[in-house]
């Protein structure tokens, strides 16, 4: 997987109230629930849109949050993340 990191560079993103969509250099778009990242979920739209693209991650300076592309691809949620269980109820996530 290491040899493919250049293809996993984030180049663009869209963040709405439900999902974080990240476009990678190879054209893939990775989408994950925004609830995986509580600081991002709680941020104002202007804070969500102020981003810095790093070689393998995204940084939101206004809320001091970093999310790696690898963590998104592996489904790793931030500590304290909330996700839906099978019944549709919110459950506390666990850090992986």
N, C-alpha and C. Protein backbone atom coordinates (compact mmCIF):
# COMPACT_ATOMS: atom_id res chain seq x y z
N UNK A 1 0.82 -1.19 0.00
CA UNK A 1 0.00 0.00 0.00
C UNK A 1 0.86 1.25 0.00
N UNK A 2 2.04 1.20 0.60
CA UNK A 2 2.90 2.37 0.69
C UNK A 2 3.21 2.94 -0.69
N UNK A 3 3.45 2.07 -1.68
CA UNK A 3 3.81 2.55 -3.01
C UNK A 3 2.68 3.32 -3.68
N UNK A 4 1.48 3.19 -3.18
CA UNK A 4 0.33 3.86 -3.78
C UNK A 4 -0.08 5.14 -3.04
N UNK A 5 0.70 5.59 -2.09
CA UNK A 5 0.34 6.78 -1.32
C UNK A 5 0.24 8.02 -2.19
N UNK A 6 1.04 8.11 -3.25
CA UNK A 6 0.94 9.28 -4.13
C UNK A 6 -0.44 9.37 -4.77
N UNK A 7 -1.10 8.24 -4.99
CA UNK A 7 -2.45 8.23 -5.54
C UNK A 7 -3.50 8.58 -4.50
N UNK A 8 -3.11 8.63 -3.24
CA UNK A 8 -4.06 8.89 -2.16
C UNK A 8 -3.93 10.31 -1.63
N UNK A 9 -3.32 11.18 -2.37
CA UNK A 9 -3.20 12.56 -1.93
C UNK A 9 -4.55 13.25 -2.06
N UNK A 10 -5.01 13.92 -1.02
CA UNK A 10 -6.27 14.66 -1.13
C UNK A 10 -6.07 15.93 -1.96
N UNK A 11 -7.00 16.19 -2.86
CA UNK A 11 -6.90 17.38 -3.71
C UNK A 11 -8.12 18.29 -3.61
N UNK A 12 -9.23 17.77 -3.12
CA UNK A 12 -10.44 18.59 -3.00
C UNK A 12 -11.36 17.92 -1.99
N UNK A 13 -12.29 18.68 -1.45
CA UNK A 13 -13.27 18.09 -0.54
C UNK A 13 -14.54 18.90 -0.53
N UNK A 14 -15.58 18.22 -0.10
CA UNK A 14 -16.88 18.83 0.14
C UNK A 14 -17.35 18.26 1.47
N UNK A 15 -17.78 19.13 2.34
CA UNK A 15 -18.26 18.71 3.65
C UNK A 15 -19.64 19.29 3.86
N UNK A 16 -20.65 18.42 3.97
CA UNK A 16 -22.00 18.89 4.25
C UNK A 16 -22.40 18.45 5.66
N UNK A 17 -23.65 18.53 6.00
CA UNK A 17 -24.09 18.19 7.35
C UNK A 17 -24.03 16.70 7.66
N UNK A 18 -23.92 15.87 6.64
CA UNK A 18 -23.94 14.42 6.85
C UNK A 18 -22.66 13.70 6.46
N UNK A 19 -22.01 14.16 5.40
CA UNK A 19 -20.87 13.43 4.86
C UNK A 19 -19.67 14.32 4.57
N UNK A 20 -18.50 13.72 4.67
CA UNK A 20 -17.25 14.32 4.23
C UNK A 20 -16.85 13.57 2.97
N UNK A 21 -16.72 14.30 1.86
CA UNK A 21 -16.33 13.72 0.57
C UNK A 21 -14.94 14.26 0.24
N UNK A 22 -13.99 13.37 0.01
CA UNK A 22 -12.63 13.78 -0.31
C UNK A 22 -12.23 13.19 -1.65
N UNK A 23 -11.79 14.08 -2.57
CA UNK A 23 -11.31 13.62 -3.87
C UNK A 23 -9.81 13.40 -3.79
N UNK A 24 -9.37 12.27 -4.34
CA UNK A 24 -7.95 11.90 -4.34
C UNK A 24 -7.35 12.16 -5.71
N UNK A 25 -6.02 12.19 -5.78
CA UNK A 25 -5.33 12.49 -7.03
C UNK A 25 -5.66 11.52 -8.15
N UNK A 26 -6.03 10.29 -7.82
CA UNK A 26 -6.35 9.33 -8.87
C UNK A 26 -7.81 9.39 -9.31
N UNK A 27 -8.56 10.36 -8.79
CA UNK A 27 -9.94 10.55 -9.20
C UNK A 27 -10.98 9.92 -8.31
N UNK A 28 -10.54 9.06 -7.38
CA UNK A 28 -11.51 8.47 -6.45
C UNK A 28 -12.07 9.54 -5.53
N UNK A 29 -13.31 9.33 -5.11
CA UNK A 29 -13.93 10.17 -4.10
C UNK A 29 -14.30 9.27 -2.93
N UNK A 30 -13.75 9.57 -1.77
CA UNK A 30 -14.00 8.79 -0.56
C UNK A 30 -15.00 9.59 0.27
N UNK A 31 -16.08 8.96 0.67
CA UNK A 31 -17.10 9.62 1.50
C UNK A 31 -17.27 8.87 2.80
N UNK A 32 -17.27 9.60 3.90
CA UNK A 32 -17.47 9.02 5.22
C UNK A 32 -18.43 9.90 6.00
N UNK A 33 -19.13 9.33 6.98
CA UNK A 33 -20.04 10.14 7.80
C UNK A 33 -19.28 11.22 8.57
N UNK A 34 -19.80 12.40 8.57
CA UNK A 34 -19.18 13.49 9.31
C UNK A 34 -19.23 13.21 10.82
N UNK A 35 -20.17 12.37 11.24
CA UNK A 35 -20.28 12.02 12.66
C UNK A 35 -19.05 11.27 13.16
N UNK A 36 -18.22 10.76 12.25
CA UNK A 36 -16.97 10.10 12.66
C UNK A 36 -15.99 11.09 13.26
N UNK A 37 -16.17 12.36 13.00
CA UNK A 37 -15.24 13.40 13.44
C UNK A 37 -16.02 14.49 14.19
N UNK A 38 -16.27 14.29 15.49
CA UNK A 38 -17.11 15.23 16.25
C UNK A 38 -16.72 16.70 16.12
N UNK A 39 -15.43 17.07 16.14
CA UNK A 39 -15.12 18.49 15.98
C UNK A 39 -15.59 19.05 14.63
N UNK A 40 -15.52 18.22 13.60
CA UNK A 40 -15.97 18.65 12.28
C UNK A 40 -17.49 18.75 12.24
N UNK A 41 -18.15 17.79 12.86
CA UNK A 41 -19.62 17.81 12.93
C UNK A 41 -20.12 19.06 13.64
N UNK A 42 -19.42 19.48 14.69
CA UNK A 42 -19.83 20.64 15.48
C UNK A 42 -19.37 21.97 14.90
N UNK A 43 -18.51 21.93 13.89
CA UNK A 43 -17.94 23.17 13.33
C UNK A 43 -18.95 23.93 12.47
N UNK A 44 -18.72 25.22 12.38
CA UNK A 44 -19.51 26.07 11.49
C UNK A 44 -19.06 25.81 10.05
N UNK A 45 -19.94 26.05 9.07
CA UNK A 45 -19.56 25.82 7.67
C UNK A 45 -18.27 26.53 7.25
N UNK A 46 -18.06 27.73 7.71
CA UNK A 46 -16.83 28.44 7.35
C UNK A 46 -15.60 27.74 7.91
N UNK A 47 -15.72 27.13 9.09
CA UNK A 47 -14.61 26.37 9.68
C UNK A 47 -14.38 25.06 8.93
N UNK A 48 -15.47 24.44 8.50
CA UNK A 48 -15.36 23.19 7.73
C UNK A 48 -14.68 23.41 6.39
N UNK A 49 -14.87 24.59 5.82
CA UNK A 49 -14.33 24.87 4.50
C UNK A 49 -12.93 25.45 4.53
N UNK A 50 -12.40 25.77 5.69
CA UNK A 50 -11.03 26.26 5.81
C UNK A 50 -10.13 25.05 6.04
N UNK A 51 -9.54 24.54 4.95
CA UNK A 51 -8.75 23.31 5.02
C UNK A 51 -7.37 23.52 4.41
N UNK A 52 -6.46 22.68 4.87
CA UNK A 52 -5.12 22.62 4.30
C UNK A 52 -4.90 21.17 3.87
N UNK A 53 -4.54 20.97 2.60
CA UNK A 53 -4.26 19.63 2.10
C UNK A 53 -2.80 19.30 2.34
N UNK A 54 -2.58 18.22 3.04
CA UNK A 54 -1.24 17.72 3.32
C UNK A 54 -1.00 16.53 2.38
N UNK A 55 0.21 16.00 2.31
CA UNK A 55 0.46 14.88 1.39
C UNK A 55 -0.44 13.67 1.60
N UNK A 56 -0.77 13.33 2.85
CA UNK A 56 -1.61 12.15 3.09
C UNK A 56 -2.77 12.43 4.04
N UNK A 57 -3.06 13.70 4.26
CA UNK A 57 -4.12 14.04 5.21
C UNK A 57 -4.72 15.41 4.89
N UNK A 58 -5.73 15.74 5.68
CA UNK A 58 -6.40 17.04 5.59
C UNK A 58 -6.34 17.66 6.98
N UNK A 59 -6.06 18.95 7.03
CA UNK A 59 -5.97 19.67 8.30
C UNK A 59 -6.97 20.82 8.29
N UNK A 60 -7.75 20.92 9.37
CA UNK A 60 -8.67 22.03 9.58
C UNK A 60 -8.07 22.90 10.69
N UNK A 61 -7.41 24.00 10.35
CA UNK A 61 -6.73 24.81 11.37
C UNK A 61 -7.67 25.46 12.38
N UNK A 62 -8.86 25.83 11.96
CA UNK A 62 -9.79 26.52 12.87
C UNK A 62 -10.26 25.62 14.01
N UNK A 63 -10.28 24.30 13.77
CA UNK A 63 -10.75 23.38 14.81
C UNK A 63 -9.65 22.40 15.23
N UNK A 64 -8.44 22.62 14.71
CA UNK A 64 -7.27 21.80 15.04
C UNK A 64 -7.56 20.31 14.87
N UNK A 65 -8.00 19.94 13.67
CA UNK A 65 -8.34 18.56 13.36
C UNK A 65 -7.54 18.09 12.16
N UNK A 66 -7.00 16.88 12.25
CA UNK A 66 -6.31 16.23 11.14
C UNK A 66 -6.97 14.88 10.88
N UNK A 67 -7.24 14.60 9.60
CA UNK A 67 -7.82 13.32 9.20
C UNK A 67 -6.96 12.78 8.07
N UNK A 68 -6.46 11.55 8.24
CA UNK A 68 -5.66 10.94 7.18
C UNK A 68 -6.55 10.22 6.19
N UNK A 69 -6.09 10.18 4.96
CA UNK A 69 -6.81 9.45 3.92
C UNK A 69 -6.86 7.97 4.27
N UNK A 70 -5.77 7.43 4.78
CA UNK A 70 -5.74 6.01 5.15
C UNK A 70 -6.79 5.70 6.21
N UNK A 71 -6.94 6.57 7.20
CA UNK A 71 -7.94 6.31 8.25
C UNK A 71 -9.36 6.32 7.67
N UNK A 72 -9.61 7.20 6.69
CA UNK A 72 -10.92 7.21 6.04
C UNK A 72 -11.14 5.91 5.28
N UNK A 73 -10.12 5.47 4.53
CA UNK A 73 -10.25 4.25 3.74
C UNK A 73 -10.42 3.01 4.61
N UNK A 74 -9.81 3.03 5.79
CA UNK A 74 -9.91 1.89 6.70
C UNK A 74 -11.12 1.96 7.62
N UNK A 75 -11.88 3.05 7.56
CA UNK A 75 -13.08 3.18 8.38
C UNK A 75 -12.80 3.50 9.84
N UNK A 76 -11.67 4.12 10.12
CA UNK A 76 -11.32 4.47 11.50
C UNK A 76 -12.00 5.77 11.89
N UNK A 77 -12.76 5.69 12.97
CA UNK A 77 -13.46 6.86 13.49
C UNK A 77 -12.64 7.50 14.60
N UNK A 78 -12.83 8.79 14.78
CA UNK A 78 -12.15 9.49 15.86
C UNK A 78 -12.71 9.05 17.20
N UNK A 79 -11.92 9.19 18.23
CA UNK A 79 -12.37 8.89 19.59
C UNK A 79 -13.59 9.74 19.91
N UNK A 80 -14.62 9.11 20.46
CA UNK A 80 -15.84 9.84 20.80
C UNK A 80 -16.83 9.95 19.66
N UNK A 81 -16.51 9.34 18.51
CA UNK A 81 -17.42 9.42 17.36
C UNK A 81 -18.70 8.67 17.67
N UNK A 82 -19.76 9.14 17.04
CA UNK A 82 -21.06 8.49 17.19
C UNK A 82 -21.47 7.93 15.85
N UNK A 83 -21.99 6.72 15.86
CA UNK A 83 -22.46 6.10 14.62
C UNK A 83 -23.82 5.46 14.86
N UNK A 84 -24.50 5.14 13.77
CA UNK A 84 -25.81 4.51 13.87
C UNK A 84 -25.65 3.01 14.03
N UNK A 85 -26.45 2.41 14.93
CA UNK A 85 -26.46 0.95 15.02
C UNK A 85 -27.50 0.42 14.04
N UNK A 86 -27.73 -0.87 14.03
CA UNK A 86 -28.65 -1.49 13.08
C UNK A 86 -30.07 -0.97 13.21
N UNK A 87 -30.46 -0.50 14.39
CA UNK A 87 -31.81 0.00 14.58
C UNK A 87 -31.94 1.47 14.22
N UNK A 88 -30.82 2.11 13.84
CA UNK A 88 -30.86 3.52 13.48
C UNK A 88 -30.63 4.45 14.65
N UNK A 89 -30.32 3.90 15.82
CA UNK A 89 -30.07 4.73 17.00
C UNK A 89 -28.59 5.10 17.07
N UNK A 90 -28.30 6.27 17.60
CA UNK A 90 -26.93 6.71 17.75
C UNK A 90 -26.24 5.91 18.84
N UNK A 91 -25.03 5.44 18.56
CA UNK A 91 -24.23 4.69 19.51
C UNK A 91 -22.85 5.31 19.56
N UNK A 92 -22.20 5.18 20.70
CA UNK A 92 -20.83 5.66 20.82
C UNK A 92 -19.92 4.76 20.01
N UNK A 93 -19.00 5.37 19.23
CA UNK A 93 -18.02 4.61 18.47
C UNK A 93 -16.82 4.30 19.34
N UNK A 94 -15.96 3.46 18.84
CA UNK A 94 -14.74 3.13 19.56
C UNK A 94 -13.55 3.44 18.67
N UNK A 95 -12.52 3.87 19.26
CA UNK A 95 -11.31 4.18 18.51
C UNK A 95 -10.68 2.87 18.07
N UNK A 96 -10.31 2.81 16.81
CA UNK A 96 -9.72 1.59 16.26
C UNK A 96 -8.25 1.79 16.05
